[in-house]
Amino acid sequence: MEKKNIEREIKDFLYLAEFGENKSLNTVRSMKKDLYQMAQYLYDTEKIENSMEIDSVMLRSFLAKLQEDGITKRTINRKLSSMRSFFKYLVKNKLINQSPIEVIASPSFYVEKPDILSIEEINRLREAISLKNTNGLRDRLILELLYSSGITSNEMLGVGESVFDLDRRELYVANGKNRRVVFFSERTREFFKKYVESKKEKYKDRYNPDILFVNGSATRLSDRSLRRIIDRYALKAGIEREISPYSFRHTFAVHMLSNGMDILYLKELMGHVTLESTKIYQELVKIKV
């Protein structure tokens, strides 16, 4: 796992637990084991490196995997306690807005309505984006690509133009040693062409085909900027609840299963390591969204 902010936040949390709250060494060791196991799972399955990207669906998938592995309810409850304490710390220190663990019961993990977007909301987001400039074309491409392919925001922000096969409407995604092919919509192809053409004209000698999504300085768009973009259009579209880049990934999975896609095929498209991660979406399909 790359040493990004989740690992740093876990270290800070454990330091406070040991030296600020005087928790026993055994307690700190148990929390360390629990939290690093959670962080490793999130990185392996979803390439999560930022605590703000974590949501209840991902955590429920992690807990389901523990059940699948035969971990006892007592141990799972201990891990839940460690996770609750950690996310409470993140909220208290304003590192995340709300805890994704609080909606999860112990230890049966009921499924609540997640941040799945409706078709009507997707269309409202489309209408909220002005297509009169390069940034608007970029933002529309972001929406279409996230929704039609199911890739993660990290995967999307890291791609260059060469990994897109426009004729076959395929995108080649690489995560470490793992490589998979995902598919995108005709709308995505349309806005890919329009955005790239506009980007070439706008940035001229600063144009770099190895970076698809760029900011005003012609450098790679950051995750923070992506979140601000989504927040802005959600507000314009009248979507009052908080949504994130992962809302589109969850929406993709639920809509695909609702339309009859085989779960094993969806597992491949999502890049999940275990089937349990994908099965979570089967439960979500049963909820009216």
Protein backbone atom coordinates (compact mmCIF):
# COMPACT_ATOMS: atom_id res chain seq x y z
CA MET A 1 0.00 0.00 0.00
CA GLU A 2 1.31 3.43 -0.88
CA LYS A 3 2.07 5.66 2.09
CA LYS A 4 -0.65 8.22 1.54
CA ASN A 5 -2.84 10.05 3.99
CA ILE A 6 -4.86 7.10 5.36
CA GLU A 7 -1.70 5.55 6.76
CA ARG A 8 -0.57 8.89 8.16
CA GLU A 9 -3.96 9.46 9.80
CA ILE A 10 -3.91 5.99 11.35
CA LYS A 11 -0.46 6.70 12.82
CA ASP A 12 -1.66 10.03 14.25
CA PHE A 13 -4.77 8.38 15.69
CA LEU A 14 -2.76 5.58 17.33
CA TYR A 15 -0.26 8.07 18.77
CA LEU A 16 -3.13 9.99 20.38
CA ALA A 17 -4.68 6.77 21.69
CA GLU A 18 -1.43 5.65 23.32
CA PHE A 19 0.00 8.91 24.63
CA GLY A 20 -3.01 11.23 24.80
CA GLU A 21 -5.68 8.83 26.04
CA ASN A 22 -3.33 6.40 27.84
CA LYS A 23 -4.85 3.32 26.25
CA SER A 24 -3.08 0.05 26.98
CA LEU A 25 -0.38 -1.21 24.65
CA ASN A 26 -2.50 -4.28 23.82
CA THR A 27 -5.45 -2.08 22.85
CA VAL A 28 -3.28 0.09 20.63
CA ARG A 29 -1.76 -2.98 18.98
CA SER A 30 -5.22 -4.41 18.28
CA MET A 31 -6.44 -1.12 16.80
CA LYS A 32 -3.30 -0.88 14.68
CA LYS A 33 -3.87 -4.37 13.27
CA ASP A 34 -7.56 -3.69 12.62
CA LEU A 35 -7.08 -0.34 10.92
CA TYR A 36 -4.16 -1.36 8.74
CA GLN A 37 -6.12 -4.42 7.62
CA MET A 38 -9.03 -2.15 6.68
CA ALA A 39 -6.74 0.30 4.86
CA GLN A 40 -5.01 -2.49 2.94
CA TYR A 41 -8.35 -3.96 1.85
CA LEU A 42 -9.61 -0.58 0.66
CA TYR A 43 -6.43 -0.03 -1.33
CA ASP A 44 -6.40 -3.54 -2.82
CA THR A 45 -10.06 -3.52 -3.86
CA GLU A 46 -10.81 0.14 -4.65
CA LYS A 47 -7.38 1.84 -4.76
CA ILE A 48 -8.52 4.10 -1.91
CA GLU A 49 -5.73 6.33 -0.60
CA ASN A 50 -7.76 9.24 0.76
CA SER A 51 -10.01 8.92 3.81
CA MET A 52 -12.58 11.26 2.23
CA GLU A 53 -13.23 8.62 -0.46
CA ILE A 54 -14.30 5.94 2.04
CA ASP A 55 -18.02 5.23 2.28
CA SER A 56 -20.29 2.73 3.99
CA VAL A 57 -20.55 0.47 0.93
CA MET A 58 -16.79 -0.09 0.92
CA LEU A 59 -16.67 -0.73 4.66
CA ARG A 60 -19.59 -3.15 4.46
CA SER A 61 -17.73 -5.01 1.73
CA PHE A 62 -14.70 -5.26 4.02
CA LEU A 63 -16.80 -6.63 6.87
CA ALA A 64 -18.51 -9.10 4.54
CA LYS A 65 -15.08 -10.35 3.47
CA LEU A 66 -14.19 -10.93 7.12
CA GLN A 67 -17.35 -13.00 7.53
CA GLU A 68 -16.52 -14.94 4.37
CA ASP A 69 -13.07 -15.69 5.81
CA GLY A 70 -14.63 -17.19 8.93
CA ILE A 71 -13.66 -14.40 11.32
CA THR A 72 -15.70 -14.65 14.53
CA LYS A 73 -18.40 -12.12 15.39
CA ARG A 74 -16.46 -11.16 18.51
CA THR A 75 -13.39 -10.27 16.43
CA ILE A 76 -15.48 -8.42 13.84
CA ASN A 77 -17.13 -6.42 16.63
CA ARG A 78 -13.68 -5.49 17.91
CA LYS A 79 -12.67 -4.33 14.45
CA LEU A 80 -15.89 -2.33 14.19
CA SER A 81 -15.06 -0.66 17.49
CA SER A 82 -11.58 0.26 16.22
CA MET A 83 -13.04 1.63 13.01
CA ARG A 84 -15.70 3.66 14.83
CA SER A 85 -13.06 5.22 17.07
CA PHE A 86 -10.86 6.03 14.08
CA PHE A 87 -13.62 7.66 12.03
CA LYS A 88 -14.84 9.56 15.10
CA TYR A 89 -11.31 10.96 15.39
CA LEU A 90 -11.34 11.97 11.71
CA VAL A 91 -14.68 13.76 12.09
CA LYS A 92 -13.59 15.50 15.31
CA ASN A 93 -10.46 16.79 13.58
CA LYS A 94 -12.46 17.83 10.50
CA LEU A 95 -10.56 15.44 8.23
CA ILE A 96 -13.86 14.01 6.94
CA ASN A 97 -17.37 15.44 7.05
CA GLN A 98 -19.19 12.43 8.49
CA SER A 99 -18.38 8.93 9.67
CA PRO A 100 -19.17 6.21 7.10
CA ILE A 101 -19.23 3.52 9.79
CA GLU A 102 -22.12 4.78 11.94
CA VAL A 103 -24.84 3.42 9.63
CA ILE A 104 -23.49 -0.14 9.89
CA ALA A 105 -25.08 -2.40 12.49
CA SER A 106 -23.12 -4.99 14.42
CA PRO A 107 -22.53 -7.66 13.20
CA SER A 108 -25.17 -8.38 10.53
CA PHE A 109 -24.44 -5.30 8.44
CA TYR A 110 -27.84 -4.21 7.24
CA VAL A 111 -27.89 -2.24 4.01
CA GLU A 112 -29.24 1.31 4.01
CA LYS A 113 -29.99 3.45 0.98
CA PRO A 114 -26.59 4.55 -0.35
CA ASP A 115 -25.64 7.49 -2.52
CA ILE A 116 -27.01 6.01 -5.74
CA LEU A 117 -28.01 8.54 -8.37
CA SER A 118 -31.21 8.13 -10.35
CA ILE A 119 -31.32 8.49 -14.14
CA GLU A 120 -33.23 11.72 -13.62
CA GLU A 121 -30.44 13.07 -11.39
CA ILE A 122 -27.79 12.05 -13.92
CA ASN A 123 -29.69 14.00 -16.57
CA ARG A 124 -29.96 17.04 -14.30
CA LEU A 125 -26.20 16.94 -13.79
CA ARG A 126 -25.72 16.78 -17.56
CA GLU A 127 -27.94 19.82 -18.03
CA ALA A 128 -26.06 21.75 -15.34
CA ILE A 129 -22.82 21.69 -17.34
CA SER A 130 -22.23 24.46 -19.86
CA LEU A 131 -20.52 23.19 -23.00
CA LYS A 132 -19.29 26.58 -24.20
CA ASN A 133 -15.65 26.14 -23.14
CA THR A 134 -12.91 23.56 -22.60
CA ASN A 135 -13.60 23.13 -18.89
CA GLY A 136 -17.27 22.46 -19.54
CA LEU A 137 -16.42 19.80 -22.13
CA ARG A 138 -13.93 18.31 -19.67
CA ASP A 139 -16.52 18.19 -16.91
CA ARG A 140 -19.14 16.58 -19.14
CA LEU A 141 -16.59 13.95 -20.19
CA ILE A 142 -15.81 13.29 -16.53
CA LEU A 143 -19.49 12.70 -15.77
CA GLU A 144 -20.05 10.44 -18.77
CA LEU A 145 -16.88 8.42 -18.19
CA LEU A 146 -17.44 7.85 -14.47
CA TYR A 147 -21.06 6.87 -14.98
CA SER A 148 -20.66 4.64 -18.04
CA SER A 149 -17.43 2.82 -17.13
CA GLY A 150 -17.52 2.42 -13.34
CA ILE A 151 -13.82 3.25 -12.94
CA THR A 152 -12.56 4.90 -9.77
CA SER A 153 -11.72 8.58 -9.64
CA ASN A 154 -8.03 7.75 -9.11
CA GLU A 155 -8.04 5.58 -12.22
CA MET A 156 -9.77 8.25 -14.24
CA LEU A 157 -7.49 11.09 -13.17
CA GLY A 158 -4.43 9.02 -14.03
CA VAL A 159 -5.30 8.15 -17.64
CA GLY A 160 -3.83 9.57 -20.82
CA GLU A 161 -5.47 9.70 -24.21
CA SER A 162 -3.69 6.66 -25.64
CA VAL A 163 -5.53 4.15 -23.40
CA PHE A 164 -8.84 4.94 -25.12
CA ASP A 165 -9.88 2.80 -28.08
CA LEU A 166 -12.57 4.98 -29.61
CA ASP A 167 -13.57 2.48 -32.29
CA ARG A 168 -14.25 -0.32 -29.80
CA ARG A 169 -15.24 2.06 -27.00
CA GLU A 170 -12.77 0.39 -24.67
CA LEU A 171 -10.55 1.84 -21.97
CA TYR A 172 -7.47 0.06 -20.67
CA VAL A 173 -7.04 0.55 -16.93
CA ALA A 174 -3.87 -0.48 -15.09
CA ASN A 175 -3.49 -0.70 -11.31
CA GLY A 176 -0.07 -1.97 -10.38
CA LYS A 177 0.23 -5.47 -11.82
CA ASN A 178 -3.50 -5.66 -12.52
CA ARG A 179 -4.87 -4.58 -15.88
CA ARG A 180 -8.44 -4.68 -17.09
CA VAL A 181 -10.61 -3.47 -19.92
CA VAL A 182 -13.73 -1.40 -19.28
CA PHE A 183 -16.25 0.00 -21.73
CA PHE A 184 -17.68 3.46 -22.13
CA SER A 185 -20.76 4.95 -23.76
CA GLU A 186 -21.29 6.64 -27.10
CA ARG A 187 -21.79 9.90 -25.19
CA THR A 188 -18.36 9.42 -23.64
CA ARG A 189 -16.77 8.94 -27.06
CA GLU A 190 -18.53 12.06 -28.35
CA PHE A 191 -17.30 14.27 -25.51
CA PHE A 192 -13.83 12.73 -25.55
CA LYS A 193 -13.39 13.94 -29.13
CA LYS A 194 -14.82 17.39 -28.41
CA TYR A 195 -12.77 17.88 -25.25
CA VAL A 196 -9.46 16.74 -26.75
CA GLU A 197 -9.95 18.99 -29.77
CA SER A 198 -10.77 21.97 -27.55
CA LYS A 199 -7.87 21.19 -25.21
CA LYS A 200 -5.38 21.12 -28.09
CA GLU A 201 -6.59 24.50 -29.28
CA LYS A 202 -6.56 26.07 -25.81
CA TYR A 203 -3.20 24.84 -24.51
CA LYS A 204 -1.28 24.56 -27.79
CA ASP A 205 2.41 23.99 -26.89
CA ARG A 206 1.43 22.99 -23.33
CA TYR A 207 -0.88 20.26 -24.61
CA ASN A 208 0.16 16.84 -23.28
CA PRO A 209 -1.66 13.73 -24.57
CA ASP A 210 -0.35 11.70 -21.61
CA ILE A 211 -2.64 13.66 -19.28
CA LEU A 212 -6.29 13.61 -20.26
CA PHE A 213 -7.91 15.69 -17.53
CA VAL A 214 -6.11 18.97 -16.85
CA ASN A 215 -6.70 22.12 -14.82
CA GLY A 216 -6.28 25.72 -15.94
CA SER A 217 -2.50 25.38 -15.77
CA ALA A 218 -2.53 22.40 -18.15
CA THR A 219 -1.38 20.07 -15.35
CA ARG A 220 -3.16 16.98 -14.08
CA LEU A 221 -6.50 17.61 -12.39
CA SER A 222 -6.34 16.78 -8.66
CA ASP A 223 -8.79 14.71 -6.63
CA ARG A 224 -9.66 17.78 -4.58
CA SER A 225 -10.47 19.76 -7.71
CA LEU A 226 -12.60 16.88 -9.00
CA ARG A 227 -14.62 16.91 -5.79
CA ARG A 228 -15.17 20.64 -6.05
CA ILE A 229 -16.35 20.20 -9.65
CA ILE A 230 -18.89 17.55 -8.63
CA ASP A 231 -20.08 19.61 -5.66
CA ARG A 232 -20.64 22.62 -7.91
CA TYR A 233 -22.74 20.74 -10.45
CA ALA A 234 -24.68 18.88 -7.76
CA LEU A 235 -25.66 22.26 -6.32
CA LYS A 236 -26.66 23.58 -9.75
CA ALA A 237 -28.65 20.40 -10.41
CA GLY A 238 -30.56 20.75 -7.15
CA ILE A 239 -29.13 17.58 -5.59
CA GLU A 240 -29.14 18.44 -1.90
CA ARG A 241 -27.43 15.37 -0.44
CA GLU A 242 -23.66 15.03 -0.62
CA ILE A 243 -22.34 13.03 -3.57
CA SER A 244 -18.78 12.12 -4.50
CA PRO A 245 -16.86 10.63 -7.44
CA TYR A 246 -17.62 7.22 -5.94
CA SER A 247 -21.35 7.91 -6.19
CA PHE A 248 -20.99 7.37 -9.94
CA ARG A 249 -19.16 4.07 -9.45
CA HIS A 250 -21.85 2.80 -7.08
CA THR A 251 -24.54 4.04 -9.45
CA PHE A 252 -22.90 2.27 -12.38
CA ALA A 253 -22.84 -1.04 -10.49
CA VAL A 254 -26.44 -0.84 -9.29
CA HIS A 255 -27.77 0.24 -12.68
CA MET A 256 -25.86 -2.52 -14.48
CA LEU A 257 -27.20 -5.22 -12.15
CA SER A 258 -30.69 -3.73 -12.38
CA ASN A 259 -30.45 -4.09 -16.16
CA GLY A 260 -29.52 -7.76 -15.89
CA MET A 261 -25.72 -7.79 -16.02
CA ASP A 262 -24.12 -10.99 -14.70
CA ILE A 263 -22.44 -10.38 -11.35
CA LEU A 264 -19.22 -12.15 -12.39
CA TYR A 265 -18.92 -9.86 -15.40
CA LEU A 266 -19.57 -6.84 -13.20
CA LYS A 267 -16.83 -8.04 -10.85
CA GLU A 268 -14.37 -7.93 -13.78
CA LEU A 269 -15.48 -4.47 -14.86
CA MET A 270 -15.21 -3.12 -11.32
CA GLY A 271 -11.78 -4.66 -10.81
CA HIS A 272 -12.82 -6.28 -7.54
CA VAL A 273 -10.46 -8.81 -6.01
CA THR A 274 -13.24 -10.84 -4.36
CA LEU A 275 -16.82 -11.56 -5.38
CA GLU A 276 -18.00 -10.46 -1.93
CA SER A 277 -17.13 -6.88 -2.83
CA THR A 278 -19.47 -7.09 -5.82
CA LYS A 279 -22.25 -8.97 -4.02
CA ILE A 280 -22.86 -5.91 -1.86
CA TYR A 281 -24.45 -4.29 -4.92
CA GLN A 282 -26.91 -7.16 -5.27
CA GLU A 283 -28.38 -6.10 -1.93
CA LEU A 284 -28.48 -2.48 -3.04
CA VAL A 285 -30.47 -3.41 -6.15
CA LYS A 286 -33.26 -4.59 -3.85
CA ILE A 287 -33.58 -1.10 -2.35
CA LYS A 288 -35.74 1.47 -4.11
CA VAL A 289 -33.37 4.19 -5.17
